[in-house]
Amino acid sequence: LRRRLAAQLVFELVLPLGSYYGLRAAGVGQW
């Protein structure tokens, strides 16, 4: 269960939001 919660945190929050704002900071377009 702890592993699943950790996976949820990574795949549901860290990766999508981190990639979005990281790409934006690198100058990639919004879309």
PDB file of all heavy atoms in Angstrom:
ATOM      1  N   LEU A   1       0.821  -1.201   0.000  1.00  0.00           N
ATOM      2  CA  LEU A   1       0.000   0.000   0.000  1.00  0.00           C
ATOM      3  C   LEU A   1       0.859   1.256   0.000  1.00  0.00           C
ATOM      4  O   LEU A   1       0.556   2.239  -0.676  1.00  0.00           O
ATOM      5  CB  LEU A   1      -0.935  -0.015   1.207  1.00  0.00           C
ATOM      6  CG  LEU A   1      -2.116   0.949   1.198  1.00  0.00           C
ATOM      7  CD1 LEU A   1      -2.892   0.851  -0.115  1.00  0.00           C
ATOM      8  CD2 LEU A   1      -3.033   0.688   2.374  1.00  0.00           C
ATOM      9  N   ARG A   2       1.956   1.230   0.753  1.00  0.00           N
ATOM     10  CA  ARG A   2       2.867   2.373   0.758  1.00  0.00           C
ATOM     11  C   ARG A   2       3.477   2.590  -0.626  1.00  0.00           C
ATOM     12  O   ARG A   2       3.616   3.728  -1.080  1.00  0.00           O
ATOM     13  CB  ARG A   2       3.974   2.147   1.792  1.00  0.00           C
ATOM     14  CG  ARG A   2       3.521   2.279   3.239  1.00  0.00           C
ATOM     15  CD  ARG A   2       4.636   1.966   4.202  1.00  0.00           C
ATOM     16  NE  ARG A   2       4.211   2.119   5.589  1.00  0.00           N
ATOM     17  CZ  ARG A   2       4.949   1.780   6.639  1.00  0.00           C
ATOM     18  NH1 ARG A   2       6.166   1.277   6.457  1.00  0.00           N
ATOM     19  NH2 ARG A   2       4.487   1.940   7.870  1.00  0.00           N
ATOM     20  N   ARG A   3       3.821   1.498  -1.288  1.00  0.00           N
ATOM     21  CA  ARG A   3       4.380   1.622  -2.641  1.00  0.00           C
ATOM     22  C   ARG A   3       3.348   2.204  -3.599  1.00  0.00           C
ATOM     23  O   ARG A   3       3.688   3.010  -4.465  1.00  0.00           O
ATOM     24  CB  ARG A   3       4.849   0.251  -3.126  1.00  0.00           C
ATOM     25  CG  ARG A   3       6.111  -0.244  -2.434  1.00  0.00           C
ATOM     26  CD  ARG A   3       6.465  -1.651  -2.898  1.00  0.00           C
ATOM     27  NE  ARG A   3       7.707  -2.108  -2.272  1.00  0.00           N
ATOM     28  CZ  ARG A   3       8.178  -3.343  -2.385  1.00  0.00           C
ATOM     29  NH1 ARG A   3       7.503  -4.236  -3.120  1.00  0.00           N
ATOM     30  NH2 ARG A   3       9.299  -3.677  -1.788  1.00  0.00           N
ATOM     31  N   ARG A   4       2.102   1.782  -3.440  1.00  0.00           N
ATOM     32  CA  ARG A   4       1.056   2.305  -4.326  1.00  0.00           C
ATOM     33  C   ARG A   4       0.856   3.802  -4.084  1.00  0.00           C
ATOM     34  O   ARG A   4       0.699   4.579  -5.027  1.00  0.00           O
ATOM     35  CB  ARG A   4      -0.256   1.552  -4.101  1.00  0.00           C
ATOM     36  CG  ARG A   4      -1.403   2.173  -4.879  1.00  0.00           C
ATOM     37  CD  ARG A   4      -2.624   1.309  -4.923  1.00  0.00           C
ATOM     38  NE  ARG A   4      -3.711   1.999  -5.589  1.00  0.00           N
ATOM     39  CZ  ARG A   4      -3.806   2.174  -6.891  1.00  0.00           C
ATOM     40  NH1 ARG A   4      -2.875   1.692  -7.681  1.00  0.00           N
ATOM     41  NH2 ARG A   4      -4.819   2.823  -7.417  1.00  0.00           N
ATOM     42  N   LEU A   5       0.858   4.228  -2.813  1.00  0.00           N
ATOM     43  CA  LEU A   5       0.701   5.651  -2.519  1.00  0.00           C
ATOM     44  C   LEU A   5       1.877   6.453  -3.077  1.00  0.00           C
ATOM     45  O   LEU A   5       1.693   7.561  -3.589  1.00  0.00           O
ATOM     46  CB  LEU A   5       0.577   5.858  -1.006  1.00  0.00           C
ATOM     47  CG  LEU A   5      -0.725   5.364  -0.372  1.00  0.00           C
ATOM     48  CD1 LEU A   5      -0.636   5.427   1.137  1.00  0.00           C
ATOM     49  CD2 LEU A   5      -1.912   6.189  -0.867  1.00  0.00           C
ATOM     50  N   ALA A   6       3.078   5.894  -2.974  1.00  0.00           N
ATOM     51  CA  ALA A   6       4.249   6.572  -3.543  1.00  0.00           C
ATOM     52  C   ALA A   6       4.123   6.674  -5.062  1.00  0.00           C
ATOM     53  O   ALA A   6       4.441   7.711  -5.654  1.00  0.00           O
ATOM     54  CB  ALA A   6       5.524   5.830  -3.158  1.00  0.00           C
ATOM     55  N   ALA A   7       3.641   5.588  -5.679  1.00  0.00           N
ATOM     56  CA  ALA A   7       3.446   5.609  -7.132  1.00  0.00           C
ATOM     57  C   ALA A   7       2.400   6.634  -7.527  1.00  0.00           C
ATOM     58  O   ALA A   7       2.546   7.347  -8.531  1.00  0.00           O
ATOM     59  CB  ALA A   7       3.037   4.218  -7.622  1.00  0.00           C
ATOM     60  N   GLN A   8       1.332   6.736  -6.738  1.00  0.00           N
ATOM     61  CA  GLN A   8       0.308   7.737  -7.017  1.00  0.00           C
ATOM     62  C   GLN A   8       0.896   9.143  -6.963  1.00  0.00           C
ATOM     63  O   GLN A   8       0.601   9.979  -7.818  1.00  0.00           O
ATOM     64  CB  GLN A   8      -0.839   7.611  -6.022  1.00  0.00           C
ATOM     65  CG  GLN A   8      -1.768   6.445  -6.293  1.00  0.00           C
ATOM     66  CD  GLN A   8      -2.913   6.412  -5.305  1.00  0.00           C
ATOM     67  OE1 GLN A   8      -2.712   6.288  -4.105  1.00  0.00           O
ATOM     68  NE2 GLN A   8      -4.123   6.546  -5.798  1.00  0.00           N
ATOM     69  N   LEU A   9       1.712   9.405  -5.937  1.00  0.00           N
ATOM     70  CA  LEU A   9       2.312  10.729  -5.805  1.00  0.00           C
ATOM     71  C   LEU A   9       3.184  11.055  -7.009  1.00  0.00           C
ATOM     72  O   LEU A   9       3.137  12.170  -7.540  1.00  0.00           O
ATOM     73  CB  LEU A   9       3.138  10.793  -4.519  1.00  0.00           C
ATOM     74  CG  LEU A   9       3.870  12.108  -4.242  1.00  0.00           C
ATOM     75  CD1 LEU A   9       2.865  13.239  -4.053  1.00  0.00           C
ATOM     76  CD2 LEU A   9       4.765  11.983  -3.015  1.00  0.00           C
ATOM     77  N   VAL A  10       3.964  10.075  -7.453  1.00  0.00           N
ATOM     78  CA  VAL A  10       4.873  10.308  -8.573  1.00  0.00           C
ATOM     79  C   VAL A  10       4.119  10.478  -9.883  1.00  0.00           C
ATOM     80  O   VAL A  10       4.315  11.450 -10.619  1.00  0.00           O
ATOM     81  CB  VAL A  10       5.891   9.151  -8.687  1.00  0.00           C
ATOM     82  CG1 VAL A  10       6.713   9.289  -9.970  1.00  0.00           C
ATOM     83  CG2 VAL A  10       6.818   9.141  -7.482  1.00  0.00           C
ATOM     84  N   PHE A  11       3.223   9.517 -10.182  1.00  0.00           N
ATOM     85  CA  PHE A  11       2.583   9.488 -11.496  1.00  0.00           C
ATOM     86  C   PHE A  11       1.395  10.445 -11.606  1.00  0.00           C
ATOM     87  O   PHE A  11       1.038  10.847 -12.718  1.00  0.00           O
ATOM     88  CB  PHE A  11       2.125   8.066 -11.823  1.00  0.00           C
ATOM     89  CG  PHE A  11       3.260   7.127 -12.097  1.00  0.00           C
ATOM     90  CD1 PHE A  11       3.616   6.161 -11.168  1.00  0.00           C
ATOM     91  CD2 PHE A  11       3.991   7.215 -13.267  1.00  0.00           C
ATOM     92  CE1 PHE A  11       4.669   5.301 -11.411  1.00  0.00           C
ATOM     93  CE2 PHE A  11       5.040   6.359 -13.521  1.00  0.00           C
ATOM     94  CZ  PHE A  11       5.380   5.397 -12.581  1.00  0.00           C
ATOM     95  N   GLU A  12       0.778  10.800 -10.481  1.00  0.00           N
ATOM     96  CA  GLU A  12      -0.390  11.666 -10.551  1.00  0.00           C
ATOM     97  C   GLU A  12      -0.064  13.133 -10.309  1.00  0.00           C
ATOM     98  O   GLU A  12      -0.863  14.001 -10.647  1.00  0.00           O
ATOM     99  CB  GLU A  12      -1.440  11.213  -9.531  1.00  0.00           C
ATOM    100  CG  GLU A  12      -1.986   9.823  -9.805  1.00  0.00           C
ATOM    101  CD  GLU A  12      -3.040   9.408  -8.810  1.00  0.00           C
ATOM    102  OE1 GLU A  12      -3.515  10.287  -8.053  1.00  0.00           O
ATOM    103  OE2 GLU A  12      -3.395   8.214  -8.763  1.00  0.00           O
ATOM    104  N   LEU A  13       1.109  13.404  -9.718  1.00  0.00           N
ATOM    105  CA  LEU A  13       1.401  14.788  -9.374  1.00  0.00           C
ATOM    106  C   LEU A  13       2.772  15.233  -9.854  1.00  0.00           C
ATOM    107  O   LEU A  13       2.889  16.189 -10.618  1.00  0.00           O
ATOM    108  CB  LEU A  13       1.285  14.968  -7.851  1.00  0.00           C
ATOM    109  CG  LEU A  13       1.268  16.408  -7.335  1.00  0.00           C
ATOM    110  CD1 LEU A  13       0.035  17.140  -7.852  1.00  0.00           C
ATOM    111  CD2 LEU A  13       1.302  16.439  -5.821  1.00  0.00           C
ATOM    112  N   VAL A  14       3.826  14.523  -9.415  1.00  0.00           N
ATOM    113  CA  VAL A  14       5.190  14.991  -9.668  1.00  0.00           C
ATOM    114  C   VAL A  14       5.514  14.999 -11.154  1.00  0.00           C
ATOM    115  O   VAL A  14       5.945  16.023 -11.703  1.00  0.00           O
ATOM    116  CB  VAL A  14       6.198  14.117  -8.909  1.00  0.00           C
ATOM    117  CG1 VAL A  14       7.631  14.528  -9.264  1.00  0.00           C
ATOM    118  CG2 VAL A  14       5.974  14.224  -7.408  1.00  0.00           C
ATOM    119  N   LEU A  15       5.297  13.875 -11.842  1.00  0.00           N
ATOM    120  CA  LEU A  15       5.663  13.797 -13.258  1.00  0.00           C
ATOM    121  C   LEU A  15       4.853  14.730 -14.152  1.00  0.00           C
ATOM    122  O   LEU A  15       5.431  15.496 -14.931  1.00  0.00           O
ATOM    123  CB  LEU A  15       5.545  12.350 -13.747  1.00  0.00           C
ATOM    124  CG  LEU A  15       6.686  11.410 -13.355  1.00  0.00           C
ATOM    125  CD1 LEU A  15       6.440  10.024 -13.937  1.00  0.00           C
ATOM    126  CD2 LEU A  15       8.019  11.946 -13.825  1.00  0.00           C
ATOM    127  N   PRO A  16       3.503  14.710 -14.072  1.00  0.00           N
ATOM    128  CA  PRO A  16       2.756  15.569 -15.001  1.00  0.00           C
ATOM    129  C   PRO A  16       2.977  17.052 -14.768  1.00  0.00           C
ATOM    130  O   PRO A  16       3.234  17.803 -15.706  1.00  0.00           O
ATOM    131  CB  PRO A  16       1.292  15.169 -14.760  1.00  0.00           C
ATOM    132  CG  PRO A  16       1.279  14.528 -13.420  1.00  0.00           C
ATOM    133  CD  PRO A  16       2.595  13.853 -13.277  1.00  0.00           C
ATOM    134  N   LEU A  17       2.891  17.489 -13.494  1.00  0.00           N
ATOM    135  CA  LEU A  17       3.074  18.915 -13.229  1.00  0.00           C
ATOM    136  C   LEU A  17       4.535  19.314 -13.397  1.00  0.00           C
ATOM    137  O   LEU A  17       4.835  20.400 -13.911  1.00  0.00           O
ATOM    138  CB  LEU A  17       2.594  19.244 -11.813  1.00  0.00           C
ATOM    139  CG  LEU A  17       1.082  19.174 -11.597  1.00  0.00           C
ATOM    140  CD1 LEU A  17       0.737  19.586 -10.173  1.00  0.00           C
ATOM    141  CD2 LEU A  17       0.332  20.056 -12.592  1.00  0.00           C
ATOM    142  N   GLY A  18       5.449  18.449 -12.958  1.00  0.00           N
ATOM    143  CA  GLY A  18       6.868  18.764 -13.103  1.00  0.00           C
ATOM    144  C   GLY A  18       7.276  18.880 -14.562  1.00  0.00           C
ATOM    145  O   GLY A  18       8.026  19.791 -14.937  1.00  0.00           O
ATOM    146  N   SER A  19       6.781  17.963 -15.397  1.00  0.00           N
ATOM    147  CA  SER A  19       7.111  18.029 -16.816  1.00  0.00           C
ATOM    148  C   SER A  19       6.504  19.268 -17.472  1.00  0.00           C
ATOM    149  O   SER A  19       7.143  19.934 -18.288  1.00  0.00           O
ATOM    150  CB  SER A  19       6.627  16.777 -17.536  1.00  0.00           C
ATOM    151  OG  SER A  19       5.213  16.695 -17.520  1.00  0.00           O
ATOM    152  N   TYR A  20       5.283  19.582 -17.089  1.00  0.00           N
ATOM    153  CA  TYR A  20       4.606  20.740 -17.694  1.00  0.00           C
ATOM    154  C   TYR A  20       5.363  22.032 -17.395  1.00  0.00           C
ATOM    155  O   TYR A  20       5.739  22.780 -18.309  1.00  0.00           O
ATOM    156  CB  TYR A  20       3.176  20.831 -17.180  1.00  0.00           C
ATOM    157  CG  TYR A  20       2.430  22.048 -17.682  1.00  0.00           C
ATOM    158  CD1 TYR A  20       1.883  22.076 -18.960  1.00  0.00           C
ATOM    159  CD2 TYR A  20       2.269  23.175 -16.884  1.00  0.00           C
ATOM    160  CE1 TYR A  20       1.212  23.184 -19.436  1.00  0.00           C
ATOM    161  CE2 TYR A  20       1.596  24.287 -17.345  1.00  0.00           C
ATOM    162  CZ  TYR A  20       1.067  24.288 -18.612  1.00  0.00           C
ATOM    163  OH  TYR A  20       0.406  25.398 -19.075  1.00  0.00           O
ATOM    164  N   TYR A  21       5.598  22.287 -16.111  1.00  0.00           N
ATOM    165  CA  TYR A  21       6.256  23.540 -15.749  1.00  0.00           C
ATOM    166  C   TYR A  21       7.745  23.521 -16.096  1.00  0.00           C
ATOM    167  O   TYR A  21       8.338  24.563 -16.371  1.00  0.00           O
ATOM    168  CB  TYR A  21       6.050  23.827 -14.257  1.00  0.00           C
ATOM    169  CG  TYR A  21       4.627  24.200 -13.940  1.00  0.00           C
ATOM    170  CD1 TYR A  21       3.795  23.330 -13.250  1.00  0.00           C
ATOM    171  CD2 TYR A  21       4.093  25.416 -14.370  1.00  0.00           C
ATOM    172  CE1 TYR A  21       2.480  23.662 -12.970  1.00  0.00           C
ATOM    173  CE2 TYR A  21       2.780  25.760 -14.094  1.00  0.00           C
ATOM    174  CZ  TYR A  21       1.978  24.875 -13.404  1.00  0.00           C
ATOM    175  OH  TYR A  21       0.666  25.202 -13.137  1.00  0.00           O
ATOM    176  N   GLY A  22       8.348  22.332 -16.103  1.00  0.00           N
ATOM    177  CA  GLY A  22       9.739  22.243 -16.518  1.00  0.00           C
ATOM    178  C   GLY A  22       9.905  22.576 -17.998  1.00  0.00           C
ATOM    179  O   GLY A  22      10.823  23.315 -18.377  1.00  0.00           O
ATOM    180  N   LEU A  23       9.007  22.048 -18.826  1.00  0.00           N
ATOM    181  CA  LEU A  23       9.054  22.354 -20.256  1.00  0.00           C
ATOM    182  C   LEU A  23       8.749  23.820 -20.517  1.00  0.00           C
ATOM    183  O   LEU A  23       9.363  24.443 -21.399  1.00  0.00           O
ATOM    184  CB  LEU A  23       8.065  21.454 -21.011  1.00  0.00           C
ATOM    185  CG  LEU A  23       8.445  19.975 -21.096  1.00  0.00           C
ATOM    186  CD1 LEU A  23       7.308  19.170 -21.708  1.00  0.00           C
ATOM    187  CD2 LEU A  23       9.724  19.795 -21.907  1.00  0.00           C
ATOM    188  N   ARG A  24       7.826  24.373 -19.767  1.00  0.00           N
ATOM    189  CA  ARG A  24       7.506  25.791 -19.944  1.00  0.00           C
ATOM    190  C   ARG A  24       8.712  26.652 -19.584  1.00  0.00           C
ATOM    191  O   ARG A  24       9.026  27.620 -20.271  1.00  0.00           O
ATOM    192  CB  ARG A  24       6.315  26.180 -19.055  1.00  0.00           C
ATOM    193  CG  ARG A  24       4.997  25.602 -19.510  1.00  0.00           C
ATOM    194  CD  ARG A  24       4.538  26.151 -20.870  1.00  0.00           C
ATOM    195  NE  ARG A  24       4.345  27.588 -20.804  1.00  0.00           N
ATOM    196  CZ  ARG A  24       4.911  28.443 -21.640  1.00  0.00           C
ATOM    197  NH1 ARG A  24       5.736  28.015 -22.590  1.00  0.00           N
ATOM    198  NH2 ARG A  24       4.668  29.737 -21.522  1.00  0.00           N
ATOM    199  N   ALA A  25       9.405  26.275 -18.483  1.00  0.00           N
ATOM    200  CA  ALA A  25      10.593  27.038 -18.090  1.00  0.00           C
ATOM    201  C   ALA A  25      11.699  26.916 -19.128  1.00  0.00           C
ATOM    202  O   ALA A  25      12.532  27.821 -19.271  1.00  0.00           O
ATOM    203  CB  ALA A  25      11.101  26.539 -16.730  1.00  0.00           C
ATOM    204  N   ALA A  26      11.715  25.799 -19.870  1.00  0.00           N
ATOM    205  CA  ALA A  26      12.722  25.600 -20.907  1.00  0.00           C
ATOM    206  C   ALA A  26      12.349  26.278 -22.214  1.00  0.00           C
ATOM    207  O   ALA A  26      13.096  26.189 -23.190  1.00  0.00           O
ATOM    208  CB  ALA A  26      12.934  24.097 -21.138  1.00  0.00           C
ATOM    209  N   GLY A  27      11.200  26.935 -22.242  1.00  0.00           N
ATOM    210  CA  GLY A  27      10.798  27.667 -23.427  1.00  0.00           C
ATOM    211  C   GLY A  27       9.901  26.908 -24.380  1.00  0.00           C
ATOM    212  O   GLY A  27       9.595  27.391 -25.475  1.00  0.00           O
ATOM    213  N   VAL A  28       9.435  25.729 -23.975  1.00  0.00           N
ATOM    214  CA  VAL A  28       8.533  24.956 -24.827  1.00  0.00           C
ATOM    215  C   VAL A  28       7.142  25.582 -24.786  1.00  0.00           C
ATOM    216  O   VAL A  28       6.716  26.136 -23.763  1.00  0.00           O
ATOM    217  CB  VAL A  28       8.475  23.486 -24.351  1.00  0.00           C
ATOM    218  CG1 VAL A  28       7.509  22.659 -25.200  1.00  0.00           C
ATOM    219  CG2 VAL A  28       9.876  22.869 -24.382  1.00  0.00           C
ATOM    220  N   GLY A  29       6.424  25.520 -25.885  1.00  0.00           N
ATOM    221  CA  GLY A  29       5.104  26.127 -25.974  1.00  0.00           C
ATOM    222  C   GLY A  29       4.091  25.519 -25.023  1.00  0.00           C
ATOM    223  O   GLY A  29       4.245  24.383 -24.557  1.00  0.00           O
ATOM    224  N   GLN A  30       3.017  26.300 -24.758  1.00  0.00           N
ATOM    225  CA  GLN A  30       1.997  25.849 -23.806  1.00  0.00           C
ATOM    226  C   GLN A  30       1.341  24.546 -24.242  1.00  0.00           C
ATOM    227  O   GLN A  30       1.146  23.630 -23.440  1.00  0.00           O
ATOM    228  CB  GLN A  30       0.920  26.922 -23.623  1.00  0.00           C
ATOM    229  CG  GLN A  30       1.427  28.199 -22.981  1.00  0.00           C
ATOM    230  CD  GLN A  30       1.732  29.252 -24.033  1.00  0.00           C
ATOM    231  OE1 GLN A  30       1.905  28.930 -25.211  1.00  0.00           O
ATOM    232  NE2 GLN A  30       1.789  30.508 -23.613  1.00  0.00           N
ATOM    233  N   TRP A  31       0.985  24.470 -25.521  1.00  0.00           N
ATOM    234  CA  TRP A  31       0.232  23.315 -25.978  1.00  0.00           C
ATOM    235  C   TRP A  31       1.065  22.046 -25.933  1.00  0.00           C
ATOM    236  O   TRP A  31       0.576  20.987 -25.500  1.00  0.00           O
ATOM    237  CB  TRP A  31      -0.306  23.562 -27.387  1.00  0.00           C
ATOM    238  CG  TRP A  31      -1.414  24.557 -27.400  1.00  0.00           C
ATOM    239  CD1 TRP A  31      -1.352  25.848 -27.814  1.00  0.00           C
ATOM    240  CD2 TRP A  31      -2.753  24.353 -26.933  1.00  0.00           C
ATOM    241  NE1 TRP A  31      -2.570  26.473 -27.632  1.00  0.00           N
ATOM    242  CE2 TRP A  31      -3.446  25.576 -27.105  1.00  0.00           C
ATOM    243  CE3 TRP A  31      -3.427  23.264 -26.382  1.00  0.00           C
ATOM    244  CZ2 TRP A  31      -4.775  25.737 -26.746  1.00  0.00           C
ATOM    245  CZ3 TRP A  31      -4.764  23.423 -26.028  1.00  0.00           C
ATOM    246  CH2 TRP A  31      -5.423  24.650 -26.205  1.00  0.00           C
TER     247      TRP A  31
END
